[in-house]
C-alpha cells in the first residue's frame, strides 16, 4: 500500500527533476502536466521507450519515458548533451536518450536517499514503444502519467509505476528543503 504523502513526494521528485534537467539554458522552459493516461501518439512516428528502475527492498519504481525521434527532440537532446552537432543519429541518439533519462532518475534517486531510503538504480534500457501498454503485468500499486512539453516543440510522455512488496505500506515524506540541487554528475558505486 502507498499512502498519499508518499505518492505526492514521488510525483514531486519526478516533476522537479524533469524540469531541472530539461532546460539547459535560461531561454528554455518546461511544462509538466499530470495526466490520467498517456496521450495517444501517431502510430507511424518513430518512438523510443526508455525504461529505468529505482528499487529498494520494499518497493520498485519503473519509469517509462516515451520519446519521439523528430528533429526538435534530437536537437534538444544534443543541446542538453552540449553537442555542437544538432543532428544525432544511431548510437549517439540512443546514448542521448538514455543519458537524459539517467539524469532525471538520478536526481529522483538522490531525493529518495534524502528521505533515508536505501535505493539503487538500473541502467536505462530501450524497448519498443508498444511495450508501455503492458505496464499492468508489473502489478503496480500506483501508476502516474505525465506529459512533458519543452519550448512548445519537444514533447515526451512519462509513466511512473510504483510496485510495493506484499504486506508492506510505503510511508515516507520528502523534506523539499533538503533535496540537494545537482547538475547530473556521475555517481560511482
Protein backbone atom coordinates (compact mmCIF):
# COMPACT_ATOMS: atom_id res chain seq x y z
CA UNK A 1 0.00 0.00 0.00
CA UNK A 2 1.16 3.55 -0.72
CA UNK A 3 -0.04 6.44 1.40
CA UNK A 4 -0.95 9.87 -0.01
CA UNK A 5 2.21 11.62 1.30
CA UNK A 6 4.40 9.08 -0.44
CA UNK A 7 2.53 9.43 -3.74
CA UNK A 8 2.79 13.22 -3.55
CA UNK A 9 6.50 13.03 -2.70
CA UNK A 10 7.37 10.73 -5.61
CA UNK A 11 5.35 12.83 -8.06
CA UNK A 12 7.08 15.99 -6.82
CA UNK A 13 10.53 14.41 -7.18
CA UNK A 14 9.85 13.39 -10.78
CA UNK A 15 8.28 16.72 -11.74
CA UNK A 16 11.16 18.70 -10.21
CA UNK A 17 13.80 16.51 -11.79
CA UNK A 18 12.18 16.67 -15.24
CA UNK A 19 12.00 20.47 -15.06
CA UNK A 20 15.56 20.83 -13.72
CA UNK A 21 17.13 18.52 -16.31
CA UNK A 22 15.09 19.54 -19.37
CA UNK A 23 16.14 23.19 -19.59
CA UNK A 24 19.82 23.61 -20.44
CA UNK A 25 19.58 27.40 -20.74
CA UNK A 26 17.66 30.32 -19.25
CA UNK A 27 15.78 30.76 -22.53
CA UNK A 28 14.28 27.27 -22.23
CA UNK A 29 11.08 26.37 -20.39
CA UNK A 30 9.41 23.10 -19.46
CA UNK A 31 5.79 22.34 -18.60
CA UNK A 32 4.96 19.08 -16.81
CA UNK A 33 1.29 18.08 -16.71
CA UNK A 34 -0.15 15.15 -14.78
CA UNK A 35 -2.48 13.10 -16.92
CA UNK A 36 -4.78 10.20 -16.19
CA UNK A 37 -3.24 8.22 -19.03
CA UNK A 38 -0.52 8.56 -21.61
CA UNK A 39 -1.78 10.58 -24.59
CA UNK A 40 -2.10 8.58 -27.80
CA UNK A 41 0.68 9.07 -30.31
CA UNK A 42 0.99 8.75 -34.05
CA UNK A 43 1.38 5.05 -34.82
CA UNK A 44 3.71 5.82 -37.71
CA UNK A 45 6.06 8.00 -35.65
CA UNK A 46 9.49 6.68 -34.78
CA UNK A 47 9.37 6.48 -30.99
CA UNK A 48 11.79 5.33 -28.32
CA UNK A 49 10.71 3.93 -24.96
CA UNK A 50 13.49 4.31 -22.39
CA UNK A 51 12.96 2.44 -19.11
CA UNK A 52 14.80 2.74 -15.81
CA UNK A 53 14.15 1.10 -12.42
CA UNK A 54 14.74 2.60 -8.98
CA UNK A 55 14.49 -0.14 -6.36
CA UNK A 56 14.76 -0.83 -2.66
CA UNK A 57 13.97 -3.87 -0.56
CA UNK A 58 10.30 -2.92 -0.26
CA UNK A 59 9.45 -1.06 -3.46
CA UNK A 60 10.33 -0.61 -7.10
CA UNK A 61 9.70 2.43 -9.28
CA UNK A 62 9.62 1.73 -13.00
CA UNK A 63 9.92 4.93 -15.03
CA UNK A 64 8.94 4.70 -18.72
CA UNK A 65 9.91 7.65 -20.92
CA UNK A 66 8.26 7.66 -24.36
CA UNK A 67 10.11 9.94 -26.81
CA UNK A 68 9.55 10.92 -30.41
CA UNK A 69 12.60 10.83 -32.71
CA UNK A 70 11.70 14.03 -34.54
CA UNK A 71 14.20 16.78 -35.38
CA UNK A 72 13.11 19.04 -32.49
CA UNK A 73 13.65 16.28 -29.92
CA UNK A 74 17.04 15.23 -31.25
CA UNK A 75 18.19 18.86 -31.44
CA UNK A 76 17.10 19.44 -27.84
CA UNK A 77 18.86 16.29 -26.64
CA UNK A 78 22.02 17.47 -28.43
CA UNK A 79 21.70 20.81 -26.65
CA UNK A 80 21.35 19.09 -23.27
CA UNK A 81 24.41 16.98 -24.07
CA UNK A 82 26.24 20.20 -25.10
CA UNK A 83 26.99 18.85 -28.56
CA UNK A 84 27.72 21.24 -31.38
CA UNK A 85 26.21 18.85 -33.94
CA UNK A 86 22.41 19.13 -33.58
CA UNK A 87 21.70 16.01 -35.66
CA UNK A 88 22.08 12.92 -33.51
CA UNK A 89 21.78 9.56 -35.23
CA UNK A 90 22.25 5.90 -34.44
CA UNK A 91 24.08 5.08 -31.24
CA UNK A 92 24.71 8.76 -30.42
CA UNK A 93 20.94 9.36 -30.36
CA UNK A 94 20.30 6.29 -28.20
CA UNK A 95 23.04 7.43 -25.82
CA UNK A 96 21.47 10.89 -25.60
CA UNK A 97 18.06 9.41 -24.72
CA UNK A 98 19.49 7.15 -22.02
CA UNK A 99 21.74 9.84 -20.52
CA UNK A 100 18.79 12.25 -20.29
CA UNK A 101 16.70 9.60 -18.50
CA UNK A 102 19.66 8.75 -16.28
CA UNK A 103 20.00 12.41 -15.21
CA UNK A 104 16.29 12.66 -14.34
CA UNK A 105 16.13 9.39 -12.43
CA UNK A 106 19.47 10.04 -10.73
CA UNK A 107 18.03 13.22 -9.21
CA UNK A 108 14.93 11.29 -8.09
CA UNK A 109 17.15 8.63 -6.55
CA UNK A 110 19.12 11.28 -4.63
CA UNK A 111 15.81 12.73 -3.39
CA UNK A 112 14.74 9.30 -2.16
CA UNK A 113 18.10 8.93 -0.41
CA UNK A 114 17.44 12.23 1.39
CA UNK A 115 14.35 10.51 2.83
CA UNK A 116 16.72 7.84 4.22
CA UNK A 117 15.62 5.20 1.75
CA UNK A 118 18.24 2.74 0.53
CA UNK A 119 17.69 2.63 -3.20
CA UNK A 120 19.60 1.64 -6.30
CA UNK A 121 19.14 2.40 -9.98
CA UNK A 122 19.30 0.21 -13.03
CA UNK A 123 20.97 1.17 -16.27
CA UNK A 124 18.46 2.72 -18.71
CA UNK A 125 17.33 0.36 -21.45
CA UNK A 126 15.33 0.82 -24.63
CA UNK A 127 12.20 -1.14 -25.57
CA UNK A 128 9.66 -0.94 -28.37
CA UNK A 129 7.23 1.88 -27.54
CA UNK A 130 4.28 -0.53 -27.70
CA UNK A 131 5.60 -2.20 -24.52
CA UNK A 132 4.24 0.73 -22.46
CA UNK A 133 0.73 -0.66 -22.91
CA UNK A 134 1.71 -3.77 -20.89
CA UNK A 135 2.56 -1.96 -17.65
CA UNK A 136 -0.22 -3.80 -15.80
CA UNK A 137 1.86 -7.00 -16.00
CA UNK A 138 4.19 -5.44 -13.40
CA UNK A 139 1.32 -5.34 -10.90
CA UNK A 140 1.88 -1.73 -9.90
CA UNK A 141 0.21 -0.35 -6.80
CA UNK A 142 0.07 3.05 -8.50
CA UNK A 143 0.73 4.50 -11.97
CA UNK A 144 1.07 8.23 -12.60
CA UNK A 145 1.37 9.60 -16.13
CA UNK A 146 2.93 12.90 -17.13
CA UNK A 147 3.08 14.82 -20.38
CA UNK A 148 6.18 17.00 -20.75
CA UNK A 149 6.44 19.91 -23.19
CA UNK A 150 9.75 21.71 -23.63
CA UNK A 151 9.88 25.03 -25.51
CA UNK A 152 6.47 24.19 -27.01
CA UNK A 153 8.24 21.98 -29.57
CA UNK A 154 9.58 18.92 -27.77
CA UNK A 155 7.12 16.51 -26.17
CA UNK A 156 7.56 13.27 -24.31
CA UNK A 157 5.44 11.13 -22.03
CA UNK A 158 6.43 9.63 -18.71
CA UNK A 159 4.77 6.85 -16.74
CA UNK A 160 5.87 6.27 -13.16
CA UNK A 161 4.84 2.83 -11.89
CA UNK A 162 5.26 2.03 -8.20
CA UNK A 163 5.30 -1.59 -7.10
CA UNK A 164 5.30 -2.41 -3.37
CA UNK A 165 6.23 -5.67 -1.66
CA UNK A 166 3.34 -7.73 -0.28
CA UNK A 167 2.10 -6.77 3.20
CA UNK A 168 4.13 -3.54 3.13
CA UNK A 169 2.99 0.05 3.48
CA UNK A 170 5.15 2.59 1.71
CA UNK A 171 5.05 5.62 4.01
CA UNK A 172 7.54 8.47 3.77
CA UNK A 173 7.63 12.16 3.05
CA UNK A 174 10.25 14.30 1.34
CA UNK A 175 11.50 17.42 3.08
CA UNK A 176 11.58 19.58 -0.03
CA UNK A 177 14.07 21.99 1.53
CA UNK A 178 16.64 19.19 1.96
CA UNK A 179 16.63 17.88 -1.61
CA UNK A 180 20.03 18.84 -2.97
CA UNK A 181 20.47 20.65 -6.24
CA UNK A 182 22.70 18.77 -8.64
CA UNK A 183 23.86 19.13 -12.20
CA UNK A 184 23.61 15.44 -13.02
CA UNK A 185 27.18 14.40 -12.33
CA UNK A 186 28.08 10.74 -12.46
CA UNK A 187 27.76 8.68 -9.31
CA UNK A 188 30.07 5.76 -8.72
CA UNK A 189 29.09 2.79 -6.53
